[in-house]
Amino acid sequence: MSTTAEPTTKPHITITYCIGCNWLLRAAWMSQELLSTFQEQLAGVTLVPGEIGGTFEISVGDQMIWERKRDGGFPDVKELKTRVRDLINPEQSLGHLDRNSSSE
């Protein structure tokens, strides 16, 4: 008996940060948080030094999920992990981060 599963491509996250604003550490911390939570579900996280001008963008594949100017600052870790989870595995629990959610 042979079972063949459709090959699935793991998503890749890109974090582009402003080099003039010294946001490398913030980008690295966020990448560590994402890799810790989604380590088996991601192909990787890439940090990209961006142009000077306040750039801070997070994309999953071709879909931008956070843009500092558009979204009003930086995501907190709960918001970031929730947006990534909702794209790559909506059924996944985020543990204590989900428990503090208010009912909708």
PDB file of N, CA and C in Angstrom:
ATOM      1  N   MET A   1       0.847  -1.178   0.000  1.00  0.00           N
ATOM      2  CA  MET A   1       0.000   0.000   0.000  1.00  0.00           C
ATOM      3  C   MET A   1       0.891   1.240   0.000  1.00  0.00           C
ATOM      4  N   SER A   2       0.660   2.087  -0.946  1.00  0.00           N
ATOM      5  CA  SER A   2       1.495   3.279  -1.084  1.00  0.00           C
ATOM      6  C   SER A   2       0.629   4.516  -0.904  1.00  0.00           C
ATOM      7  N   THR A   3       1.091   5.404  -0.062  1.00  0.00           N
ATOM      8  CA  THR A   3       0.386   6.675   0.102  1.00  0.00           C
ATOM      9  C   THR A   3       1.331   7.778  -0.337  1.00  0.00           C
ATOM     10  N   THR A   4       0.819   8.618  -1.191  1.00  0.00           N
ATOM     11  CA  THR A   4       1.617   9.730  -1.662  1.00  0.00           C
ATOM     12  C   THR A   4       0.940  11.014  -1.250  1.00  0.00           C
ATOM     13  N   ALA A   5       1.632  11.771  -0.441  1.00  0.00           N
ATOM     14  CA  ALA A   5       1.087  13.052  -0.007  1.00  0.00           C
ATOM     15  C   ALA A   5       1.544  14.119  -0.992  1.00  0.00           C
ATOM     16  N   GLU A   6       0.695  15.087  -1.174  1.00  0.00           N
ATOM     17  CA  GLU A   6       1.063  16.224  -2.008  1.00  0.00           C
ATOM     18  C   GLU A   6       2.234  16.935  -1.335  1.00  0.00           C
ATOM     19  N   PRO A   7       3.267  17.261  -2.070  1.00  0.00           N
ATOM     20  CA  PRO A   7       4.366  17.997  -1.446  1.00  0.00           C
ATOM     21  C   PRO A   7       3.903  19.395  -1.055  1.00  0.00           C
ATOM     22  N   THR A   8       4.241  19.793   0.133  1.00  0.00           N
ATOM     23  CA  THR A   8       3.868  21.131   0.574  1.00  0.00           C
ATOM     24  C   THR A   8       5.131  21.965   0.725  1.00  0.00           C
ATOM     25  N   THR A   9       5.036  23.183   0.310  1.00  0.00           N
ATOM     26  CA  THR A   9       6.149  24.094   0.426  1.00  0.00           C
ATOM     27  C   THR A   9       5.980  24.888   1.705  1.00  0.00           C
ATOM     28  N   LYS A  10       6.998  24.846   2.534  1.00  0.00           N
ATOM     29  CA  LYS A  10       6.954  25.611   3.772  1.00  0.00           C
ATOM     30  C   LYS A  10       7.137  27.091   3.449  1.00  0.00           C
ATOM     31  N   PRO A  11       6.392  27.952   4.141  1.00  0.00           N
ATOM     32  CA  PRO A  11       6.522  29.383   3.883  1.00  0.00           C
ATOM     33  C   PRO A  11       7.837  29.941   4.413  1.00  0.00           C
ATOM     34  N   HIS A  12       8.267  31.015   3.799  1.00  0.00           N
ATOM     35  CA  HIS A  12       9.482  31.717   4.196  1.00  0.00           C
ATOM     36  C   HIS A  12       9.079  33.121   4.640  1.00  0.00           C
ATOM     37  N   ILE A  13       9.625  33.570   5.752  1.00  0.00           N
ATOM     38  CA  ILE A  13       9.321  34.904   6.272  1.00  0.00           C
ATOM     39  C   ILE A  13      10.501  35.821   6.006  1.00  0.00           C
ATOM     40  N   THR A  14      10.201  37.040   5.592  1.00  0.00           N
ATOM     41  CA  THR A  14      11.220  38.057   5.365  1.00  0.00           C
ATOM     42  C   THR A  14      10.911  39.260   6.248  1.00  0.00           C
ATOM     43  N   ILE A  15      11.909  39.708   6.988  1.00  0.00           N
ATOM     44  CA  ILE A  15      11.776  40.920   7.800  1.00  0.00           C
ATOM     45  C   ILE A  15      12.768  41.942   7.251  1.00  0.00           C
ATOM     46  N   THR A  16      12.237  43.037   6.724  1.00  0.00           N
ATOM     47  CA  THR A  16      13.064  44.119   6.181  1.00  0.00           C
ATOM     48  C   THR A  16      13.057  45.255   7.196  1.00  0.00           C
ATOM     49  N   TYR A  17      14.248  45.702   7.584  1.00  0.00           N
ATOM     50  CA  TYR A  17      14.357  46.702   8.648  1.00  0.00           C
ATOM     51  C   TYR A  17      15.234  47.869   8.190  1.00  0.00           C
ATOM     52  N   CYS A  18      14.998  49.023   8.781  1.00  0.00           N
ATOM     53  CA  CYS A  18      15.744  50.238   8.460  1.00  0.00           C
ATOM     54  C   CYS A  18      17.121  50.184   9.125  1.00  0.00           C
ATOM     55  N   ILE A  19      18.177  50.306   8.309  1.00  0.00           N
ATOM     56  CA  ILE A  19      19.525  50.282   8.873  1.00  0.00           C
ATOM     57  C   ILE A  19      19.855  51.596   9.589  1.00  0.00           C
ATOM     58  N   GLY A  20      19.276  52.689   9.136  1.00  0.00           N
ATOM     59  CA  GLY A  20      19.531  53.979   9.768  1.00  0.00           C
ATOM     60  C   GLY A  20      18.888  54.103  11.144  1.00  0.00           C
ATOM     61  N   CYS A  21      17.845  53.331  11.370  1.00  0.00           N
ATOM     62  CA  CYS A  21      17.126  53.361  12.652  1.00  0.00           C
ATOM     63  C   CYS A  21      17.668  52.333  13.646  1.00  0.00           C
ATOM     64  N   ASN A  22      18.641  51.535  13.193  1.00  0.00           N
ATOM     65  CA  ASN A  22      19.233  50.492  14.043  1.00  0.00           C
ATOM     66  C   ASN A  22      18.202  49.493  14.548  1.00  0.00           C
ATOM     67  N   TRP A  23      17.349  49.013  13.647  1.00  0.00           N
ATOM     68  CA  TRP A  23      16.302  48.061  14.029  1.00  0.00           C
ATOM     69  C   TRP A  23      16.693  46.606  13.803  1.00  0.00           C
ATOM     70  N   LEU A  24      17.991  46.349  13.603  1.00  0.00           N
ATOM     71  CA  LEU A  24      18.454  44.973  13.423  1.00  0.00           C
ATOM     72  C   LEU A  24      18.107  44.104  14.634  1.00  0.00           C
ATOM     73  N   LEU A  25      18.365  44.579  15.839  1.00  0.00           N
ATOM     74  CA  LEU A  25      18.092  43.759  17.024  1.00  0.00           C
ATOM     75  C   LEU A  25      16.608  43.447  17.171  1.00  0.00           C
ATOM     76  N   ARG A  26      15.758  44.409  16.865  1.00  0.00           N
ATOM     77  CA  ARG A  26      14.306  44.175  16.913  1.00  0.00           C
ATOM     78  C   ARG A  26      13.914  43.108  15.892  1.00  0.00           C
ATOM     79  N   ALA A  27      14.461  43.215  14.686  1.00  0.00           N
ATOM     80  CA  ALA A  27      14.164  42.236  13.632  1.00  0.00           C
ATOM     81  C   ALA A  27      14.680  40.853  14.027  1.00  0.00           C
ATOM     82  N   ALA A  28      15.881  40.796  14.602  1.00  0.00           N
ATOM     83  CA  ALA A  28      16.457  39.515  15.016  1.00  0.00           C
ATOM     84  C   ALA A  28      15.638  38.887  16.133  1.00  0.00           C
ATOM     85  N   TRP A  29      15.188  39.690  17.081  1.00  0.00           N
ATOM     86  CA  TRP A  29      14.359  39.174  18.174  1.00  0.00           C
ATOM     87  C   TRP A  29      13.046  38.613  17.628  1.00  0.00           C
ATOM     88  N   MET A  30      12.412  39.332  16.716  1.00  0.00           N
ATOM     89  CA  MET A  30      11.157  38.847  16.140  1.00  0.00           C
ATOM     90  C   MET A  30      11.382  37.559  15.343  1.00  0.00           C
ATOM     91  N   SER A  31      12.490  37.480  14.622  1.00  0.00           N
ATOM     92  CA  SER A  31      12.767  36.248  13.870  1.00  0.00           C
ATOM     93  C   SER A  31      12.974  35.082  14.830  1.00  0.00           C
ATOM     94  N   GLN A  32      13.647  35.302  15.942  1.00  0.00           N
ATOM     95  CA  GLN A  32      13.842  34.253  16.943  1.00  0.00           C
ATOM     96  C   GLN A  32      12.511  33.788  17.512  1.00  0.00           C
ATOM     97  N   GLU A  33      11.622  34.703  17.798  1.00  0.00           N
ATOM     98  CA  GLU A  33      10.294  34.357  18.319  1.00  0.00           C
ATOM     99  C   GLU A  33       9.521  33.511  17.308  1.00  0.00           C
ATOM    100  N   LEU A  34       9.569  33.897  16.048  1.00  0.00           N
ATOM    101  CA  LEU A  34       8.856  33.151  15.006  1.00  0.00           C
ATOM    102  C   LEU A  34       9.457  31.763  14.802  1.00  0.00           C
ATOM    103  N   LEU A  35      10.787  31.683  14.779  1.00  0.00           N
ATOM    104  CA  LEU A  35      11.433  30.383  14.600  1.00  0.00           C
ATOM    105  C   LEU A  35      11.190  29.464  15.792  1.00  0.00           C
ATOM    106  N   SER A  36      11.121  30.016  16.986  1.00  0.00           N
ATOM    107  CA  SER A  36      10.843  29.198  18.174  1.00  0.00           C
ATOM    108  C   SER A  36       9.432  28.632  18.134  1.00  0.00           C
ATOM    109  N   THR A  37       8.483  29.428  17.700  1.00  0.00           N
ATOM    110  CA  THR A  37       7.082  29.005  17.690  1.00  0.00           C
ATOM    111  C   THR A  37       6.745  28.121  16.497  1.00  0.00           C
ATOM    112  N   PHE A  38       7.287  28.445  15.326  1.00  0.00           N
ATOM    113  CA  PHE A  38       6.908  27.762  14.085  1.00  0.00           C
ATOM    114  C   PHE A  38       8.069  26.989  13.470  1.00  0.00           C
ATOM    115  N   GLN A  39       8.987  26.511  14.277  1.00  0.00           N
ATOM    116  CA  GLN A  39      10.248  25.943  13.773  1.00  0.00           C
ATOM    117  C   GLN A  39      10.078  24.830  12.758  1.00  0.00           C
ATOM    118  N   GLU A  40       9.079  23.985  12.902  1.00  0.00           N
ATOM    119  CA  GLU A  40       8.902  22.876  11.956  1.00  0.00           C
ATOM    120  C   GLU A  40       8.021  23.248  10.770  1.00  0.00           C
ATOM    121  N   GLN A  41       7.442  24.442  10.803  1.00  0.00           N
ATOM    122  CA  GLN A  41       6.495  24.839   9.768  1.00  0.00           C
ATOM    123  C   GLN A  41       7.041  25.886   8.807  1.00  0.00           C
ATOM    124  N   LEU A  42       8.245  26.392   9.075  1.00  0.00           N
ATOM    125  CA  LEU A  42       8.817  27.442   8.244  1.00  0.00           C
ATOM    126  C   LEU A  42      10.037  26.942   7.485  1.00  0.00           C
ATOM    127  N   ALA A  43      10.221  27.470   6.289  1.00  0.00           N
ATOM    128  CA  ALA A  43      11.440  27.199   5.536  1.00  0.00           C
ATOM    129  C   ALA A  43      12.588  28.035   6.097  1.00  0.00           C
ATOM    130  N   GLY A  44      12.252  29.159   6.711  1.00  0.00           N
ATOM    131  CA  GLY A  44      13.267  30.026   7.297  1.00  0.00           C
ATOM    132  C   GLY A  44      12.778  31.438   7.454  1.00  0.00           C
ATOM    133  N   VAL A  45      13.619  32.253   8.069  1.00  0.00           N
ATOM    134  CA  VAL A  45      13.357  33.680   8.231  1.00  0.00           C
ATOM    135  C   VAL A  45      14.606  34.409   7.747  1.00  0.00           C
ATOM    136  N   THR A  46      14.399  35.385   6.893  1.00  0.00           N
ATOM    137  CA  THR A  46      15.506  36.173   6.360  1.00  0.00           C
ATOM    138  C   THR A  46      15.387  37.607   6.849  1.00  0.00           C
ATOM    139  N   LEU A  47      16.509  38.150   7.326  1.00  0.00           N
ATOM    140  CA  LEU A  47      16.568  39.561   7.708  1.00  0.00           C
ATOM    141  C   LEU A  47      17.212  40.330   6.562  1.00  0.00           C
ATOM    142  N   VAL A  48      16.540  41.397   6.142  1.00  0.00           N
ATOM    143  CA  VAL A  48      17.015  42.176   4.993  1.00  0.00           C
ATOM    144  C   VAL A  48      17.245  43.616   5.427  1.00  0.00           C
ATOM    145  N   PRO A  49      18.501  44.102   5.346  1.00  0.00           N
ATOM    146  CA  PRO A  49      18.744  45.510   5.649  1.00  0.00           C
ATOM    147  C   PRO A  49      18.041  46.380   4.614  1.00  0.00           C
ATOM    148  N   GLY A  50      17.181  47.263   5.086  1.00  0.00           N
ATOM    149  CA  GLY A  50      16.406  48.100   4.180  1.00  0.00           C
ATOM    150  C   GLY A  50      16.960  49.496   4.065  1.00  0.00           C
ATOM    151  N   GLU A  51      16.353  50.238   3.204  1.00  0.00           N
ATOM    152  CA  GLU A  51      16.742  51.624   2.984  1.00  0.00           C
ATOM    153  C   GLU A  51      16.483  52.441   4.243  1.00  0.00           C
ATOM    154  N   ILE A  52      17.219  53.507   4.364  1.00  0.00           N
ATOM    155  CA  ILE A  52      16.988  54.454   5.461  1.00  0.00           C
ATOM    156  C   ILE A  52      15.641  55.118   5.214  1.00  0.00           C
ATOM    157  N   GLY A  53      14.870  55.316   6.252  1.00  0.00           N
ATOM    158  CA  GLY A  53      13.568  55.956   6.098  1.00  0.00           C
ATOM    159  C   GLY A  53      12.494  55.311   6.943  1.00  0.00           C
ATOM    160  N   GLY A  54      12.874  54.483   7.889  1.00  0.00           N
ATOM    161  CA  GLY A  54      11.895  53.926   8.810  1.00  0.00           C
ATOM    162  C   GLY A  54      11.218  52.653   8.346  1.00  0.00           C
ATOM    163  N   THR A  55      11.835  51.945   7.420  1.00  0.00           N
ATOM    164  CA  THR A  55      11.248  50.708   6.908  1.00  0.00           C
ATOM    165  C   THR A  55      11.261  49.617   7.963  1.00  0.00           C
ATOM    166  N   PHE A  56      10.117  48.977   8.163  1.00  0.00           N
ATOM    167  CA  PHE A  56      10.039  47.756   8.960  1.00  0.00           C
ATOM    168  C   PHE A  56       8.846  46.977   8.426  1.00  0.00           C
ATOM    169  N   GLU A  57       9.146  45.931   7.657  1.00  0.00           N
ATOM    170  CA  GLU A  57       8.106  45.154   6.978  1.00  0.00           C
ATOM    171  C   GLU A  57       8.326  43.679   7.238  1.00  0.00           C
ATOM    172  N   ILE A  58       7.227  42.963   7.422  1.00  0.00           N
ATOM    173  CA  ILE A  58       7.287  41.519   7.612  1.00  0.00           C
ATOM    174  C   ILE A  58       6.373  40.882   6.577  1.00  0.00           C
ATOM    175  N   SER A  59       6.949  39.945   5.810  1.00  0.00           N
ATOM    176  CA  SER A  59       6.182  39.251   4.781  1.00  0.00           C
ATOM    177  C   SER A  59       6.280  37.753   4.984  1.00  0.00           C
ATOM    178  N   VAL A  60       5.174  37.077   4.694  1.00  0.00           N
ATOM    179  CA  VAL A  60       5.150  35.619   4.631  1.00  0.00           C
ATOM    180  C   VAL A  60       4.969  35.302   3.152  1.00  0.00           C
ATOM    181  N   GLY A  61       6.023  34.766   2.548  1.00  0.00           N
ATOM    182  CA  GLY A  61       5.991  34.592   1.099  1.00  0.00           C
ATOM    183  C   GLY A  61       5.855  35.952   0.444  1.00  0.00           C
ATOM    184  N   ASP A  62       4.866  36.083  -0.437  1.00  0.00           N
ATOM    185  CA  ASP A  62       4.635  37.356  -1.127  1.00  0.00           C
ATOM    186  C   ASP A  62       3.630  38.247  -0.410  1.00  0.00           C
ATOM    187  N   GLN A  63       3.102  37.795   0.718  1.00  0.00           N
ATOM    188  CA  GLN A  63       2.061  38.550   1.414  1.00  0.00           C
ATOM    189  C   GLN A  63       2.641  39.338   2.583  1.00  0.00           C
ATOM    190  N   MET A  64       2.554  40.668   2.498  1.00  0.00           N
ATOM    191  CA  MET A  64       3.014  41.502   3.593  1.00  0.00           C
ATOM    192  C   MET A  64       1.991  41.431   4.734  1.00  0.00           C
ATOM    193  N   ILE A  65       2.466  41.055   5.908  1.00  0.00           N
ATOM    194  CA  ILE A  65       1.551  40.956   7.050  1.00  0.00           C
ATOM    195  C   ILE A  65       1.741  42.098   8.040  1.00  0.00           C
ATOM    196  N   TRP A  66       2.839  42.842   7.897  1.00  0.00           N
ATOM    197  CA  TRP A  66       3.035  43.993   8.781  1.00  0.00           C
ATOM    198  C   TRP A  66       3.907  45.010   8.075  1.00  0.00           C
ATOM    199  N   GLU A  67       3.499  46.269   8.149  1.00  0.00           N
ATOM    200  CA  GLU A  67       4.276  47.376   7.613  1.00  0.00           C
ATOM    201  C   GLU A  67       4.165  48.493   8.632  1.00  0.00           C
ATOM    202  N   ARG A  68       5.279  48.894   9.196  1.00  0.00           N
ATOM    203  CA  ARG A  68       5.300  49.824  10.329  1.00  0.00           C
ATOM    204  C   ARG A  68       4.498  51.099  10.084  1.00  0.00           C
ATOM    205  N   LYS A  69       4.669  51.717   8.941  1.00  0.00           N
ATOM    206  CA  LYS A  69       3.955  52.971   8.674  1.00  0.00           C
ATOM    207  C   LYS A  69       2.471  52.725   8.482  1.00  0.00           C
ATOM    208  N   ARG A  70       2.123  51.689   7.749  1.00  0.00           N
ATOM    209  CA  ARG A  70       0.715  51.356   7.492  1.00  0.00           C
ATOM    210  C   ARG A  70      -0.006  50.915   8.755  1.00  0.00           C
ATOM    211  N   ASP A  71       0.685  50.087   9.549  1.00  0.00           N
ATOM    212  CA  ASP A  71       0.030  49.476  10.713  1.00  0.00           C
ATOM    213  C   ASP A  71       0.265  50.218  12.022  1.00  0.00           C
ATOM    214  N   GLY A  72       0.974  51.325  11.982  1.00  0.00           N
ATOM    215  CA  GLY A  72       1.107  52.161  13.163  1.00  0.00           C
ATOM    216  C   GLY A  72       2.110  51.663  14.193  1.00  0.00           C
ATOM    217  N   GLY A  73       3.337  51.433  13.779  1.00  0.00           N
ATOM    218  CA  GLY A  73       4.377  51.023  14.721  1.00  0.00           C
ATOM    219  C   GLY A  73       4.803  49.592  14.500  1.00  0.00           C
ATOM    220  N   PHE A  74       5.217  48.967  15.581  1.00  0.00           N
ATOM    221  CA  PHE A  74       5.719  47.594  15.525  1.00  0.00           C
ATOM    222  C   PHE A  74       4.684  46.644  16.120  1.00  0.00           C
ATOM    223  N   PRO A  75       4.634  45.423  15.612  1.00  0.00           N
ATOM    224  CA  PRO A  75       3.692  44.459  16.198  1.00  0.00           C
ATOM    225  C   PRO A  75       4.220  43.962  17.542  1.00  0.00           C
ATOM    226  N   ASP A  76       3.301  43.727  18.482  1.00  0.00           N
ATOM    227  CA  ASP A  76       3.757  43.006  19.666  1.00  0.00           C
ATOM    228  C   ASP A  76       3.843  41.540  19.268  1.00  0.00           C
ATOM    229  N   VAL A  77       4.491  40.754  20.081  1.00  0.00           N
ATOM    230  CA  VAL A  77       4.767  39.368  19.705  1.00  0.00           C
ATOM    231  C   VAL A  77       3.478  38.568  19.528  1.00  0.00           C
ATOM    232  N   LYS A  78       2.464  38.860  20.314  1.00  0.00           N
ATOM    233  CA  LYS A  78       1.190  38.145  20.189  1.00  0.00           C
ATOM    234  C   LYS A  78       0.556  38.423  18.827  1.00  0.00           C
ATOM    235  N   GLU A  79       0.519  39.683  18.428  1.00  0.00           N
ATOM    236  CA  GLU A  79      -0.078  40.053  17.139  1.00  0.00           C
ATOM    237  C   GLU A  79       0.705  39.428  15.988  1.00  0.00           C
ATOM    238  N   LEU A  80       2.030  39.487  16.067  1.00  0.00           N
ATOM    239  CA  LEU A  80       2.866  38.922  15.008  1.00  0.00           C
ATOM    240  C   LEU A  80       2.647  37.421  14.874  1.00  0.00           C
ATOM    241  N   LYS A  81       2.710  36.701  15.977  1.00  0.00           N
ATOM    242  CA  LYS A  81       2.532  35.249  15.931  1.00  0.00           C
ATOM    243  C   LYS A  81       1.121  34.875  15.476  1.00  0.00           C
ATOM    244  N   THR A  82       0.134  35.658  15.875  1.00  0.00           N
ATOM    245  CA  THR A  82      -1.241  35.389  15.456  1.00  0.00           C
ATOM    246  C   THR A  82      -1.386  35.557  13.950  1.00  0.00           C
ATOM    247  N   ARG A  83      -0.816  36.619  13.385  1.00  0.00           N
ATOM    248  CA  ARG A  83      -0.909  36.836  11.935  1.00  0.00           C
ATOM    249  C   ARG A  83      -0.202  35.738  11.151  1.00  0.00           C
ATOM    250  N   VAL A  84       0.966  35.321  11.632  1.00  0.00           N
ATOM    251  CA  VAL A  84       1.685  34.239  10.954  1.00  0.00           C
ATOM    252  C   VAL A  84       0.898  32.949  11.073  1.00  0.00           C
ATOM    253  N   ARG A  85       0.441  32.623  12.256  1.00  0.00           N
ATOM    254  CA  ARG A  85      -0.319  31.391  12.476  1.00  0.00           C
ATOM    255  C   ARG A  85      -1.563  31.347  11.594  1.00  0.00           C
ATOM    256  N   ASP A  86      -2.283  32.466  11.523  1.00  0.00           N
ATOM    257  CA  ASP A  86      -3.510  32.513  10.734  1.00  0.00           C
ATOM    258  C   ASP A  86      -3.244  32.234   9.250  1.00  0.00           C
ATOM    259  N   LEU A  87      -2.049  32.535   8.780  1.00  0.00           N
ATOM    260  CA  LEU A  87      -1.695  32.259   7.383  1.00  0.00           C
ATOM    261  C   LEU A  87      -1.193  30.838   7.167  1.00  0.00           C
ATOM    262  N   ILE A  88      -0.356  30.338   8.066  1.00  0.00           N
ATOM    263  CA  ILE A  88       0.313  29.066   7.783  1.00  0.00           C
ATOM    264  C   ILE A  88      -0.347  27.863   8.432  1.00  0.00           C
ATOM    265  N   ASN A  89      -1.080  28.067   9.542  1.00  0.00           N
ATOM    266  CA  ASN A  89      -1.707  26.940  10.233  1.00  0.00           C
ATOM    267  C   ASN A  89      -2.783  27.448  11.190  1.00  0.00           C
ATOM    268  N   PRO A  90      -3.952  27.863  10.659  1.00  0.00           N
ATOM    269  CA  PRO A  90      -4.985  28.489  11.485  1.00  0.00           C
ATOM    270  C   PRO A  90      -5.472  27.643  12.667  1.00  0.00           C
ATOM    271  N   GLU A  91      -5.286  26.340  12.595  1.00  0.00           N
ATOM    272  CA  GLU A  91      -5.757  25.466  13.680  1.00  0.00           C
ATOM    273  C   GLU A  91      -4.770  25.381  14.846  1.00  0.00           C
ATOM    274  N   GLN A  92      -3.554  25.873  14.658  1.00  0.00           N
ATOM    275  CA  GLN A  92      -2.525  25.749  15.689  1.00  0.00           C
ATOM    276  C   GLN A  92      -2.831  26.627  16.890  1.00  0.00           C
ATOM    277  N   SER A  93      -2.662  26.070  18.068  1.00  0.00           N
ATOM    278  CA  SER A  93      -2.791  26.836  19.306  1.00  0.00           C
ATOM    279  C   SER A  93      -1.497  27.583  19.562  1.00  0.00           C
ATOM    280  N   LEU A  94      -1.626  28.791  20.064  1.00  0.00           N
ATOM    281  CA  LEU A  94      -0.453  29.550  20.470  1.00  0.00           C
ATOM    282  C   LEU A  94      -0.283  29.511  21.987  1.00  0.00           C
ATOM    283  N   GLY A  95      -0.883  28.515  22.608  1.00  0.00           N
ATOM    284  CA  GLY A  95      -0.728  28.339  24.046  1.00  0.00           C
ATOM    285  C   GLY A  95      -1.247  29.506  24.853  1.00  0.00           C
ATOM    286  N   HIS A  96      -0.425  30.011  25.743  1.00  0.00           N
ATOM    287  CA  HIS A  96      -0.854  31.086  26.630  1.00  0.00           C
ATOM    288  C   HIS A  96      -1.236  32.351  25.881  1.00  0.00           C
ATOM    289  N   LEU A  97      -0.702  32.572  24.697  1.00  0.00           N
ATOM    290  CA  LEU A  97      -1.084  33.754  23.928  1.00  0.00           C
ATOM    291  C   LEU A  97      -2.551  33.706  23.519  1.00  0.00           C
ATOM    292  N   ASP A  98      -3.061  32.498  23.220  1.00  0.00           N
ATOM    293  CA  ASP A  98      -4.469  32.346  22.853  1.00  0.00           C
ATOM    294  C   ASP A  98      -5.380  32.442  24.078  1.00  0.00           C
ATOM    295  N   ARG A  99      -4.908  31.984  25.214  1.00  0.00           N
ATOM    296  CA  ARG A  99      -5.752  31.956  26.421  1.00  0.00           C
ATOM    297  C   ARG A  99      -6.158  33.331  26.897  1.00  0.00           C
ATOM    298  N   ASN A 100      -5.349  34.340  26.603  1.00  0.00           N
ATOM    299  CA  ASN A 100      -5.658  35.681  27.066  1.00  0.00           C
ATOM    300  C   ASN A 100      -6.561  36.452  26.113  1.00  0.00           C
ATOM    301  N   SER A 101      -6.988  35.793  25.028  1.00  0.00           N
ATOM    302  CA  SER A 101      -7.846  36.462  24.054  1.00  0.00           C
ATOM    303  C   SER A 101      -9.244  36.649  24.624  1.00  0.00           C
ATOM    304  N   SER A 102      -9.840  37.796  24.284  1.00  0.00           N
ATOM    305  CA  SER A 102     -11.232  38.003  24.686  1.00  0.00           C
ATOM    306  C   SER A 102     -12.135  37.287  23.703  1.00  0.00           C
ATOM    307  N   SER A 103     -13.315  36.919  24.156  1.00  0.00           N
ATOM    308  CA  SER A 103     -14.223  36.198  23.250  1.00  0.00           C
ATOM    309  C   SER A 103     -14.763  37.140  22.205  1.00  0.00           C
ATOM    310  N   GLU A 104     -14.925  36.611  21.013  1.00  0.00           N
ATOM    311  CA  GLU A 104     -15.387  37.432  19.884  1.00  0.00           C
ATOM    312  C   GLU A 104     -16.850  37.226  19.646  1.00  0.00           C
TER     313      GLU A 104
END
